[in-house]
Amino acid sequence: MKHILPLVAALMLSACVKPVPPERIAQAGPVFAPEIAFAGDLTGRGVLQTPGGKPARGITVKSHGWVQGDGSFRLDQTITDDRGKVSQRHWIMAKAGEGRYLATLSDAAGPVTAEVTGNLFHLKYLMKKPFVTMEQWLWLMPDGRTIMNEGTVRMPGRTVARLSEVIVREGEPVR
């Protein structure tokens, strides 16, 4: 019994510990400037998983980004899932102050919240499907070419899917 009490106390304390929010894990290294990190051609490969961890489907995302004449940044994407379904979407982003961007997405039902902290890019938006939200955390890796993307798709009261994706920028790394 006297050996069990410390274990029970440790378990109770660990239940009180909150997970570290992703923005607290932002690291030194290349700052995530979307207009630079997503410029040119990129390829992303990932998987959407159900809440139980079962892979729902694999995805490949081909992207091409560029600065437009008005100074905004455009990112066109072609998404192909492992069943062969292909969809297109595009982003428009414009700097709106220190670490903030105004953004729109063809898949979103309104504006996209977009913020940068160091090498971390955080996106949140309401999708066109009723009551479905997407939140993404993207980290620019120290090599300046690789982006880790973790996303969560939610409906009220539950997580619908989780996205894990590795995106690689072709060409020169971001410095």
Protein backbone atom coordinates (compact mmCIF):
# COMPACT_ATOMS: atom_id res chain seq x y z
CA MET A 1 0.00 0.00 0.00
CA LYS A 2 2.79 2.44 0.83
CA HIS A 3 4.29 1.88 -2.67
CA ILE A 4 0.94 2.46 -4.36
CA LEU A 5 0.25 5.82 -2.69
CA PRO A 6 3.13 7.68 -4.44
CA LEU A 7 2.05 6.20 -7.79
CA VAL A 8 -1.56 7.31 -7.27
CA ALA A 9 -0.36 10.80 -6.25
CA ALA A 10 1.85 11.04 -9.36
CA LEU A 11 -1.03 9.97 -11.62
CA MET A 12 -3.34 12.53 -10.03
CA LEU A 13 -0.78 15.29 -10.52
CA SER A 14 -0.15 14.30 -14.14
CA ALA A 15 -3.89 14.59 -14.83
CA CYS A 16 -3.64 18.27 -13.85
CA VAL A 17 -0.89 19.03 -16.36
CA LYS A 18 -2.12 20.67 -19.55
CA PRO A 19 -0.45 19.88 -22.88
CA VAL A 20 1.97 22.54 -24.10
CA PRO A 21 0.25 24.70 -26.73
CA PRO A 22 1.99 24.52 -30.13
CA GLU A 23 2.80 28.24 -30.16
CA ARG A 24 5.01 27.66 -27.12
CA ILE A 25 7.05 25.17 -29.16
CA ALA A 26 7.95 27.71 -31.87
CA GLN A 27 11.70 27.49 -32.38
CA ALA A 28 14.48 29.71 -33.53
CA GLY A 29 15.49 29.31 -37.14
CA PRO A 30 13.88 30.56 -40.30
CA VAL A 31 10.84 32.71 -39.56
CA PHE A 32 7.72 31.36 -41.24
CA ALA A 33 6.84 33.97 -43.86
CA PRO A 34 4.11 32.29 -45.95
CA GLU A 35 4.89 34.42 -48.99
CA ILE A 36 8.43 33.00 -48.94
CA ALA A 37 7.90 29.49 -47.51
CA PHE A 38 5.12 28.71 -50.00
CA ALA A 39 6.67 30.48 -53.02
CA GLY A 40 7.34 28.29 -56.03
CA ASP A 41 6.50 24.60 -56.19
CA LEU A 42 5.84 22.38 -53.18
CA THR A 43 4.69 18.80 -52.65
CA GLY A 44 2.91 17.63 -49.52
CA ARG A 45 2.23 14.05 -48.54
CA GLY A 46 0.10 13.14 -45.57
CA VAL A 47 -2.71 11.19 -44.04
CA LEU A 48 -6.11 12.06 -42.62
CA GLN A 49 -6.94 9.92 -39.60
CA THR A 50 -10.18 9.31 -37.75
CA PRO A 51 -10.25 10.05 -34.00
CA GLY A 52 -9.47 6.39 -33.26
CA GLY A 53 -6.22 6.69 -35.24
CA LYS A 54 -7.40 4.63 -38.21
CA PRO A 55 -6.09 6.13 -41.47
CA ALA A 56 -9.04 7.52 -43.39
CA ARG A 57 -7.09 8.34 -46.53
CA GLY A 58 -3.69 9.33 -47.82
CA ILE A 59 -3.29 12.65 -49.63
CA THR A 60 -0.81 14.30 -51.97
CA VAL A 61 -0.91 18.08 -52.36
CA LYS A 62 0.85 19.84 -55.25
CA SER A 63 1.13 23.58 -54.62
CA HIS A 64 2.38 26.60 -56.53
CA GLY A 65 2.64 30.01 -54.88
CA TRP A 66 3.56 33.52 -56.05
CA VAL A 67 3.26 37.19 -55.10
CA GLN A 68 0.56 38.90 -57.17
CA GLY A 69 0.70 42.40 -58.66
CA ASP A 70 -1.21 43.92 -55.71
CA GLY A 71 1.36 42.52 -53.23
CA SER A 72 -0.88 39.72 -51.95
CA PHE A 73 0.30 36.12 -52.08
CA ARG A 74 -1.59 33.39 -53.94
CA LEU A 75 -1.20 29.66 -53.39
CA ASP A 76 -2.93 27.25 -55.80
CA GLN A 77 -3.24 23.64 -54.68
CA THR A 78 -4.26 20.35 -56.30
CA ILE A 79 -5.18 17.70 -53.74
CA THR A 80 -5.29 14.03 -54.76
CA ASP A 81 -6.38 11.35 -52.31
CA ASP A 82 -5.37 7.69 -52.45
CA ARG A 83 -8.71 6.83 -54.09
CA GLY A 84 -7.86 9.11 -57.02
CA LYS A 85 -10.27 11.93 -56.10
CA VAL A 86 -8.81 15.28 -57.22
CA SER A 87 -9.82 18.71 -55.93
CA GLN A 88 -8.52 22.24 -56.44
CA ARG A 89 -8.33 25.13 -53.99
CA HIS A 90 -6.56 28.43 -53.67
CA TRP A 91 -5.42 30.74 -50.90
CA ILE A 92 -4.96 34.52 -50.97
CA MET A 93 -2.90 36.07 -48.14
CA ALA A 94 -1.85 39.62 -47.34
CA LYS A 95 0.25 40.88 -44.44
CA ALA A 96 -1.93 42.65 -41.85
CA GLY A 97 0.63 43.67 -39.25
CA GLU A 98 3.33 42.05 -37.17
CA GLY A 99 2.83 38.28 -37.37
CA ARG A 100 -0.71 38.54 -38.76
CA TYR A 101 -2.16 37.86 -42.21
CA LEU A 102 -5.53 38.44 -43.79
CA ALA A 103 -6.33 35.26 -45.68
CA THR A 104 -9.07 33.64 -47.71
CA LEU A 105 -9.39 30.05 -48.89
CA SER A 106 -11.72 28.74 -51.58
CA ASP A 107 -12.71 25.89 -49.18
CA ALA A 108 -13.54 28.28 -46.31
CA ALA A 109 -16.91 29.84 -45.51
CA GLY A 110 -15.33 33.14 -44.47
CA PRO A 111 -12.02 34.73 -43.53
CA VAL A 112 -9.09 32.65 -42.30
CA THR A 113 -7.30 33.54 -39.07
CA ALA A 114 -3.57 33.40 -39.88
CA GLU A 115 -0.76 34.18 -37.42
CA VAL A 116 3.00 33.65 -37.34
CA THR A 117 5.16 33.11 -34.25
CA GLY A 118 8.80 32.38 -35.16
CA ASN A 119 8.86 29.28 -37.34
CA LEU A 120 5.19 28.48 -36.59
CA PHE A 121 2.21 29.40 -38.82
CA HIS A 122 -1.24 28.95 -37.24
CA LEU A 123 -4.43 28.84 -39.36
CA LYS A 124 -8.05 28.53 -38.28
CA TYR A 125 -11.19 28.69 -40.41
CA LEU A 126 -14.77 27.59 -40.84
CA MET A 127 -15.17 25.23 -43.78
CA LYS A 128 -18.05 25.39 -46.26
CA LYS A 129 -19.57 22.26 -44.74
CA PRO A 130 -21.91 23.47 -41.96
CA PHE A 131 -20.34 23.67 -38.50
CA VAL A 132 -17.01 22.15 -39.57
CA THR A 133 -13.81 23.97 -38.54
CA MET A 134 -10.19 23.35 -39.48
CA GLU A 135 -7.21 24.36 -37.37
CA GLN A 136 -3.67 23.90 -38.69
CA TRP A 137 -0.24 24.29 -37.09
CA LEU A 138 2.61 24.46 -39.61
CA TRP A 139 6.28 24.48 -38.57
CA LEU A 140 9.06 25.55 -40.94
CA MET A 141 11.96 23.20 -40.22
CA PRO A 142 15.58 24.40 -39.82
CA ASP A 143 16.46 23.20 -43.35
CA GLY A 144 14.24 26.01 -44.71
CA ARG A 145 12.51 23.64 -47.18
CA THR A 146 10.44 21.29 -45.06
CA ILE A 147 7.14 22.20 -43.39
CA MET A 148 5.38 19.96 -40.88
CA ASN A 149 1.59 20.40 -40.96
CA GLU A 150 -0.65 19.14 -38.16
CA GLY A 151 -4.36 19.84 -38.51
CA THR A 152 -7.58 19.06 -36.72
CA VAL A 153 -11.04 18.97 -38.32
CA ARG A 154 -13.81 19.52 -35.78
CA MET A 155 -17.58 19.59 -35.56
CA PRO A 156 -19.29 20.86 -32.40
CA GLY A 157 -18.36 18.57 -29.55
CA ARG A 158 -16.08 16.21 -31.45
CA THR A 159 -12.96 15.80 -33.55
CA VAL A 160 -13.77 14.44 -37.01
CA ALA A 161 -10.23 13.91 -38.36
CA ARG A 162 -6.57 14.75 -37.84
CA LEU A 163 -4.16 15.66 -40.60
CA SER A 164 -0.42 14.91 -40.50
CA GLU A 165 1.50 16.13 -43.54
CA VAL A 166 5.09 16.79 -44.59
CA ILE A 167 5.45 19.54 -47.20
CA VAL A 168 8.71 19.97 -49.13
CA ARG A 169 9.55 23.12 -51.04
CA GLU A 170 11.43 22.57 -54.30
CA GLY A 171 14.39 24.81 -55.01
CA GLU A 172 16.31 27.02 -52.61
CA PRO A 173 15.59 26.85 -48.87
CA VAL A 174 14.06 29.76 -46.96
CA ARG A 175 16.68 31.73 -45.00
